[in-house]
């Protein structure tokens, strides 16, 4: 019953404005599969680690103000932002890049479903659950979706030796075409870029 309800919500909230492509399902080597399984299995609390409490408050307040129009509920915004920061940090990604990717992929719609079947904030293809996860993992769950999305983007960056343009192309299933990578970079740099305030930098330096 719960699964039916989730599916109905997903179909009702699917957005025609999402840019998720059809990510290619590839045969993973045993070592890569094991590594990705370890990457999504960690159960640590998703509390982001900042250089200081002041910097944490500044970042969350700044990002929350930018996101308020899309997510009016303050608690929902905070949960999303803290999880984005934690999962991005864990995968060695810039949290602002992840926010830009989410904006392009789903428009910050938790239950978005693409025509190819990609799900949630980061539009994760269900085959990833079969390849590296467990059947009970729900891709509409906030932390699960972001854990998968960040892990997958990190995987593609490693394959492409740090080439973000090609990694984003793989993520979207549009490798070699410029439109999607340019949209994500545009959202990242123009809407979600963040410079640490001088007060936060000086506070960190005094520690």
Foldseek 3Di string as FASTA:
>chain_A
DVVVVLVVVLVVQADPQAQFAQFDDDDDDPVVLVVLLVLLPDDDDLAADDLDPVQVVVLLVVVCVLCCVVPVDSVVSSVLLSLLRSLCVSLVHDSLLLVLQLCRHGVQDLSHADPNGQGGSNRHHVVVCVRRHDPPDDCSDRNSVSSVNSSQLSVLCVVVVNPNQQSQCNRRVNGPDRPRSVSSVCCSVPRRDDDRDPVVVVVSVVD
